Every structure is written in C-alpha cells, then in structure tokens.
Amino acid sequence: MLESLRKNKKGLLLMLISSICVCVGQLLWKLSSEKGLMFLILGFGLYGIGALVMIVAYKFGSLSVLQPMLSLNYVLSIILADIFLKESITLIKAIGVLIIIVGVILIGGGDA
C-alpha cells in the first residue's frame, strides 16, 4: 500500500487539488443564482483549472488509481454544501462519505 502511494503521490496530490477546484467551482455556480455573474465566471475559471490539473495529474500516476479519486468530489460537495449552503449531513450521507473514503483508500493503495 505504501509503495503504491509513493508511486502515485504526485498524481494523487494533483487529483486532490483538481477535486477541490472543481467542487468550489460548482459551489460558485450554485451561488451565482443569488450573487451574480462574477460568481458564475469565477466558478467556470476554477472548474477549468481543476480540469487542467486533472489532465496533468494523469502523467504522474496510474489511471486505475487516479480516476477513482474523482469520487472525492462527492465528499467535498457534501462538506461544502454543509458549510456554505447550510445543507444538513444526514446519517445516510455520512455513511456514504465513509464508504467513498474507504474505497478511495483501498483503490489508491492497491497499485503496488
């Protein structure tokens, strides 16, 4: 498992950055309905940066490890929705988040 993480470390870090950019971009899209055009434009910018970072990430790791990292978007979206949109995290959502995190860890560590 540690060997896989070392082998894919740069790619994994870039995918995490990509996920953050994409999720914040999507949050800004949602907020733009109330806050205006600037939030929409910033959202597109961050989403685009996230997509570009994702493309670069694929140079630094195995596809079978990096692609499942995109599942973290669901985790980040739930957290951002709770913080910024005051949406509640139900027990079912929390269990789903834990399952996703465990799955990402197992897949990320399985590329020896």
N, C-alpha and C. Protein backbone atom coordinates (compact mmCIF):
# COMPACT_ATOMS: atom_id res chain seq x y z
N MET A 1 0.82 -1.19 0.00
CA MET A 1 0.00 0.00 0.00
C MET A 1 0.86 1.26 0.00
N LEU A 2 1.89 1.29 0.85
CA LEU A 2 2.75 2.47 0.91
C LEU A 2 3.52 2.66 -0.40
N GLU A 3 3.88 1.55 -1.02
CA GLU A 3 4.60 1.64 -2.29
C GLU A 3 3.70 2.28 -3.36
N SER A 4 2.45 1.90 -3.38
CA SER A 4 1.50 2.48 -4.32
C SER A 4 1.34 3.97 -4.09
N LEU A 5 1.24 4.37 -2.82
CA LEU A 5 1.10 5.79 -2.50
C LEU A 5 2.34 6.57 -2.92
N ARG A 6 3.52 5.99 -2.70
CA ARG A 6 4.76 6.65 -3.13
C ARG A 6 4.81 6.77 -4.65
N LYS A 7 4.43 5.71 -5.32
CA LYS A 7 4.47 5.67 -6.79
C LYS A 7 3.53 6.70 -7.41
N ASN A 8 2.39 6.90 -6.81
CA ASN A 8 1.35 7.77 -7.37
C ASN A 8 1.19 9.09 -6.61
N LYS A 9 2.13 9.40 -5.70
CA LYS A 9 1.98 10.52 -4.78
C LYS A 9 1.68 11.84 -5.49
N LYS A 10 2.47 12.18 -6.48
CA LYS A 10 2.27 13.46 -7.17
C LYS A 10 0.91 13.49 -7.89
N GLY A 11 0.56 12.39 -8.54
CA GLY A 11 -0.73 12.30 -9.22
C GLY A 11 -1.89 12.39 -8.25
N LEU A 12 -1.77 11.73 -7.10
CA LEU A 12 -2.82 11.78 -6.09
C LEU A 12 -3.01 13.19 -5.54
N LEU A 13 -1.90 13.88 -5.28
CA LEU A 13 -1.98 15.24 -4.79
C LEU A 13 -2.63 16.16 -5.82
N LEU A 14 -2.24 16.00 -7.08
CA LEU A 14 -2.84 16.82 -8.14
C LEU A 14 -4.33 16.53 -8.30
N MET A 15 -4.72 15.27 -8.17
CA MET A 15 -6.15 14.93 -8.27
C MET A 15 -6.93 15.53 -7.11
N LEU A 16 -6.33 15.58 -5.94
CA LEU A 16 -6.99 16.20 -4.80
C LEU A 16 -7.18 17.70 -5.06
N ILE A 17 -6.15 18.35 -5.58
CA ILE A 17 -6.26 19.78 -5.93
C ILE A 17 -7.33 19.97 -7.00
N SER A 18 -7.35 19.08 -7.98
CA SER A 18 -8.36 19.14 -9.04
C SER A 18 -9.76 19.03 -8.46
N SER A 19 -9.96 18.09 -7.56
CA SER A 19 -11.28 17.90 -6.93
C SER A 19 -11.71 19.14 -6.17
N ILE A 20 -10.79 19.75 -5.45
CA ILE A 20 -11.12 20.96 -4.70
C ILE A 20 -11.54 22.08 -5.65
N CYS A 21 -10.76 22.28 -6.72
CA CYS A 21 -11.09 23.34 -7.68
C CYS A 21 -12.45 23.10 -8.33
N VAL A 22 -12.70 21.87 -8.75
CA VAL A 22 -13.97 21.54 -9.41
C VAL A 22 -15.15 21.74 -8.46
N CYS A 23 -15.02 21.28 -7.22
CA CYS A 23 -16.13 21.40 -6.27
C CYS A 23 -16.40 22.85 -5.88
N VAL A 24 -15.34 23.62 -5.68
CA VAL A 24 -15.54 25.04 -5.35
C VAL A 24 -16.14 25.75 -6.56
N GLY A 25 -15.69 25.39 -7.76
CA GLY A 25 -16.27 25.96 -8.97
C GLY A 25 -17.76 25.68 -9.07
N GLN A 26 -18.15 24.46 -8.79
CA GLN A 26 -19.57 24.11 -8.84
C GLN A 26 -20.36 24.83 -7.74
N LEU A 27 -19.76 24.98 -6.56
CA LEU A 27 -20.42 25.74 -5.50
C LEU A 27 -20.65 27.19 -5.95
N LEU A 28 -19.66 27.77 -6.61
CA LEU A 28 -19.81 29.14 -7.09
C LEU A 28 -20.91 29.24 -8.14
N TRP A 29 -21.06 28.20 -8.97
CA TRP A 29 -22.17 28.18 -9.93
C TRP A 29 -23.50 28.27 -9.18
N LYS A 30 -23.62 27.47 -8.15
CA LYS A 30 -24.84 27.45 -7.35
C LYS A 30 -25.09 28.82 -6.73
N LEU A 31 -24.05 29.41 -6.17
CA LEU A 31 -24.19 30.72 -5.52
C LEU A 31 -24.45 31.84 -6.51
N SER A 32 -24.07 31.65 -7.77
CA SER A 32 -24.23 32.71 -8.76
C SER A 32 -25.70 33.06 -9.02
N SER A 33 -26.60 32.13 -8.72
CA SER A 33 -28.02 32.43 -8.91
C SER A 33 -28.48 33.55 -7.98
N GLU A 34 -27.80 33.70 -6.86
CA GLU A 34 -28.13 34.76 -5.91
C GLU A 34 -27.10 35.90 -5.93
N LYS A 35 -25.85 35.55 -6.18
CA LYS A 35 -24.76 36.52 -6.02
C LYS A 35 -24.36 37.22 -7.31
N GLY A 36 -24.73 36.65 -8.46
CA GLY A 36 -24.47 37.35 -9.71
C GLY A 36 -23.43 36.72 -10.61
N LEU A 37 -23.19 37.40 -11.68
CA LEU A 37 -22.37 36.92 -12.79
C LEU A 37 -20.92 36.64 -12.40
N MET A 38 -20.36 37.44 -11.50
CA MET A 38 -18.95 37.26 -11.12
C MET A 38 -18.73 35.88 -10.50
N PHE A 39 -19.67 35.42 -9.70
CA PHE A 39 -19.55 34.09 -9.10
C PHE A 39 -19.60 33.01 -10.19
N LEU A 40 -20.43 33.21 -11.19
CA LEU A 40 -20.52 32.27 -12.31
C LEU A 40 -19.20 32.21 -13.06
N ILE A 41 -18.63 33.36 -13.35
CA ILE A 41 -17.36 33.42 -14.09
C ILE A 41 -16.23 32.80 -13.26
N LEU A 42 -16.17 33.13 -11.98
CA LEU A 42 -15.15 32.52 -11.11
C LEU A 42 -15.33 31.00 -11.03
N GLY A 43 -16.58 30.57 -10.99
CA GLY A 43 -16.86 29.14 -10.96
C GLY A 43 -16.35 28.43 -12.20
N PHE A 44 -16.60 29.03 -13.37
CA PHE A 44 -16.09 28.44 -14.60
C PHE A 44 -14.56 28.42 -14.60
N GLY A 45 -13.95 29.49 -14.10
CA GLY A 45 -12.49 29.54 -14.04
C GLY A 45 -11.91 28.43 -13.17
N LEU A 46 -12.47 28.28 -11.98
CA LEU A 46 -11.97 27.22 -11.08
C LEU A 46 -12.24 25.83 -11.64
N TYR A 47 -13.40 25.65 -12.22
CA TYR A 47 -13.72 24.35 -12.82
C TYR A 47 -12.73 24.03 -13.93
N GLY A 48 -12.41 25.02 -14.75
CA GLY A 48 -11.44 24.83 -15.83
C GLY A 48 -10.06 24.52 -15.32
N ILE A 49 -9.64 25.23 -14.26
CA ILE A 49 -8.34 24.95 -13.65
C ILE A 49 -8.32 23.52 -13.12
N GLY A 50 -9.40 23.11 -12.48
CA GLY A 50 -9.49 21.74 -11.97
C GLY A 50 -9.36 20.71 -13.07
N ALA A 51 -9.99 20.97 -14.22
CA ALA A 51 -9.91 20.04 -15.35
C ALA A 51 -8.48 19.97 -15.88
N LEU A 52 -7.82 21.11 -15.98
CA LEU A 52 -6.43 21.13 -16.46
C LEU A 52 -5.48 20.42 -15.50
N VAL A 53 -5.68 20.65 -14.21
CA VAL A 53 -4.85 19.97 -13.20
C VAL A 53 -5.07 18.46 -13.28
N MET A 54 -6.31 18.05 -13.52
CA MET A 54 -6.61 16.62 -13.65
C MET A 54 -5.85 16.00 -14.81
N ILE A 55 -5.83 16.69 -15.93
CA ILE A 55 -5.12 16.19 -17.12
C ILE A 55 -3.64 16.02 -16.81
N VAL A 56 -3.05 17.00 -16.12
CA VAL A 56 -1.64 16.92 -15.74
C VAL A 56 -1.41 15.76 -14.76
N ALA A 57 -2.35 15.56 -13.85
CA ALA A 57 -2.21 14.51 -12.83
C ALA A 57 -2.05 13.13 -13.46
N TYR A 58 -2.72 12.91 -14.59
CA TYR A 58 -2.65 11.60 -15.22
C TYR A 58 -1.24 11.26 -15.68
N LYS A 59 -0.36 12.24 -15.80
CA LYS A 59 1.04 11.97 -16.15
C LYS A 59 1.80 11.35 -15.00
N PHE A 60 1.30 11.52 -13.79
CA PHE A 60 2.06 11.16 -12.60
C PHE A 60 1.46 10.02 -11.79
N GLY A 61 0.69 9.17 -12.43
CA GLY A 61 0.14 8.04 -11.70
C GLY A 61 -0.66 7.13 -12.60
N SER A 62 -1.06 6.03 -12.06
CA SER A 62 -1.85 5.04 -12.78
C SER A 62 -3.31 5.48 -12.89
N LEU A 63 -3.88 5.31 -14.05
CA LEU A 63 -5.29 5.67 -14.27
C LEU A 63 -6.20 4.94 -13.29
N SER A 64 -5.91 3.67 -13.04
CA SER A 64 -6.77 2.87 -12.17
C SER A 64 -6.73 3.35 -10.72
N VAL A 65 -5.73 4.14 -10.36
CA VAL A 65 -5.65 4.71 -9.01
C VAL A 65 -6.20 6.13 -9.01
N LEU A 66 -5.85 6.91 -10.01
CA LEU A 66 -6.22 8.33 -10.02
C LEU A 66 -7.69 8.57 -10.34
N GLN A 67 -8.25 7.83 -11.28
CA GLN A 67 -9.64 8.06 -11.69
C GLN A 67 -10.63 7.90 -10.52
N PRO A 68 -10.47 6.88 -9.69
CA PRO A 68 -11.39 6.76 -8.55
C PRO A 68 -11.27 7.91 -7.55
N MET A 69 -10.17 8.64 -7.57
CA MET A 69 -10.02 9.80 -6.69
C MET A 69 -11.10 10.85 -6.96
N LEU A 70 -11.65 10.84 -8.17
CA LEU A 70 -12.70 11.80 -8.51
C LEU A 70 -13.94 11.59 -7.65
N SER A 71 -14.06 10.42 -7.05
CA SER A 71 -15.18 10.16 -6.14
C SER A 71 -15.14 11.08 -4.93
N LEU A 72 -13.95 11.63 -4.65
CA LEU A 72 -13.86 12.57 -3.53
C LEU A 72 -14.66 13.84 -3.80
N ASN A 73 -15.02 14.08 -5.06
CA ASN A 73 -15.88 15.22 -5.37
C ASN A 73 -17.19 15.15 -4.59
N TYR A 74 -17.73 13.94 -4.45
CA TYR A 74 -18.97 13.77 -3.69
C TYR A 74 -18.76 14.15 -2.23
N VAL A 75 -17.64 13.74 -1.68
CA VAL A 75 -17.33 14.04 -0.28
C VAL A 75 -17.17 15.55 -0.10
N LEU A 76 -16.37 16.16 -0.96
CA LEU A 76 -16.14 17.60 -0.86
C LEU A 76 -17.43 18.39 -1.07
N SER A 77 -18.26 17.95 -1.99
CA SER A 77 -19.52 18.65 -2.26
C SER A 77 -20.43 18.65 -1.04
N ILE A 78 -20.51 17.53 -0.35
CA ILE A 78 -21.34 17.44 0.84
C ILE A 78 -20.81 18.36 1.94
N ILE A 79 -19.50 18.39 2.10
CA ILE A 79 -18.89 19.25 3.12
C ILE A 79 -19.12 20.73 2.79
N LEU A 80 -18.88 21.10 1.53
CA LEU A 80 -19.08 22.50 1.12
C LEU A 80 -20.55 22.91 1.24
N ALA A 81 -21.46 22.00 0.88
CA ALA A 81 -22.89 22.30 1.00
C ALA A 81 -23.28 22.52 2.45
N ASP A 82 -22.70 21.75 3.34
CA ASP A 82 -22.98 21.92 4.77
C ASP A 82 -22.46 23.26 5.27
N ILE A 83 -21.24 23.61 4.89
CA ILE A 83 -20.62 24.84 5.39
C ILE A 83 -21.25 26.10 4.79
N PHE A 84 -21.39 26.11 3.46
CA PHE A 84 -21.78 27.35 2.78
C PHE A 84 -23.27 27.46 2.47
N LEU A 85 -23.94 26.33 2.31
CA LEU A 85 -25.36 26.36 1.94
C LEU A 85 -26.26 25.92 3.09
N LYS A 86 -25.63 25.55 4.20
CA LYS A 86 -26.36 25.12 5.40
C LYS A 86 -27.23 23.90 5.15
N GLU A 87 -26.80 23.04 4.21
CA GLU A 87 -27.49 21.77 3.98
C GLU A 87 -27.02 20.79 5.04
N SER A 88 -27.91 19.98 5.53
CA SER A 88 -27.55 19.06 6.61
C SER A 88 -26.91 17.79 6.07
N ILE A 89 -26.00 17.26 6.87
CA ILE A 89 -25.38 15.98 6.57
C ILE A 89 -26.13 14.93 7.39
N THR A 90 -26.93 14.15 6.69
CA THR A 90 -27.72 13.12 7.36
C THR A 90 -26.83 11.91 7.67
N LEU A 91 -27.35 11.00 8.45
CA LEU A 91 -26.62 9.78 8.78
C LEU A 91 -26.31 8.98 7.50
N ILE A 92 -27.28 8.92 6.61
CA ILE A 92 -27.08 8.17 5.35
C ILE A 92 -25.96 8.82 4.53
N LYS A 93 -25.94 10.15 4.46
CA LYS A 93 -24.86 10.84 3.73
C LYS A 93 -23.51 10.58 4.39
N ALA A 94 -23.47 10.62 5.72
CA ALA A 94 -22.22 10.39 6.44
C ALA A 94 -21.70 8.97 6.18
N ILE A 95 -22.59 8.00 6.18
CA ILE A 95 -22.19 6.62 5.89
C ILE A 95 -21.67 6.52 4.46
N GLY A 96 -22.37 7.17 3.53
CA GLY A 96 -21.92 7.18 2.14
C GLY A 96 -20.54 7.79 1.99
N VAL A 97 -20.30 8.89 2.69
CA VAL A 97 -18.98 9.54 2.66
C VAL A 97 -17.91 8.60 3.17
N LEU A 98 -18.17 7.92 4.27
CA LEU A 98 -17.19 6.97 4.82
C LEU A 98 -16.90 5.84 3.85
N ILE A 99 -17.93 5.34 3.20
CA ILE A 99 -17.73 4.26 2.22
C ILE A 99 -16.88 4.75 1.06
N ILE A 100 -17.14 5.96 0.57
CA ILE A 100 -16.35 6.51 -0.53
C ILE A 100 -14.90 6.68 -0.11
N ILE A 101 -14.66 7.22 1.07
CA ILE A 101 -13.29 7.43 1.54
C ILE A 101 -12.55 6.11 1.67
N VAL A 102 -13.20 5.13 2.26
CA VAL A 102 -12.57 3.80 2.39
C VAL A 102 -12.26 3.22 1.02
N GLY A 103 -13.19 3.34 0.08
CA GLY A 103 -12.97 2.83 -1.26
C GLY A 103 -11.80 3.51 -1.95
N VAL A 104 -11.70 4.82 -1.82
CA VAL A 104 -10.58 5.56 -2.44
C VAL A 104 -9.26 5.12 -1.82
N ILE A 105 -9.24 4.94 -0.51
CA ILE A 105 -8.00 4.50 0.16
C ILE A 105 -7.62 3.10 -0.32
N LEU A 106 -8.59 2.20 -0.39
CA LEU A 106 -8.28 0.83 -0.82
C LEU A 106 -7.79 0.79 -2.27
N ILE A 107 -8.42 1.55 -3.13
CA ILE A 107 -8.01 1.57 -4.54
C ILE A 107 -6.66 2.27 -4.68
N GLY A 108 -6.48 3.38 -3.97
CA GLY A 108 -5.22 4.12 -4.04
C GLY A 108 -4.04 3.31 -3.54
N GLY A 109 -4.28 2.43 -2.60
CA GLY A 109 -3.20 1.62 -2.05
C GLY A 109 -3.00 0.30 -2.76
N GLY A 110 -3.80 0.02 -3.77
CA GLY A 110 -3.75 -1.28 -4.42
C GLY A 110 -2.93 -1.37 -5.67
N ASP A 111 -2.12 -0.36 -5.97
CA ASP A 111 -1.34 -0.33 -7.20
C ASP A 111 0.14 -0.52 -6.89
N ALA A 112 0.49 -1.69 -6.45
CA ALA A 112 1.88 -1.95 -5.99
C ALA A 112 2.83 -2.21 -7.11
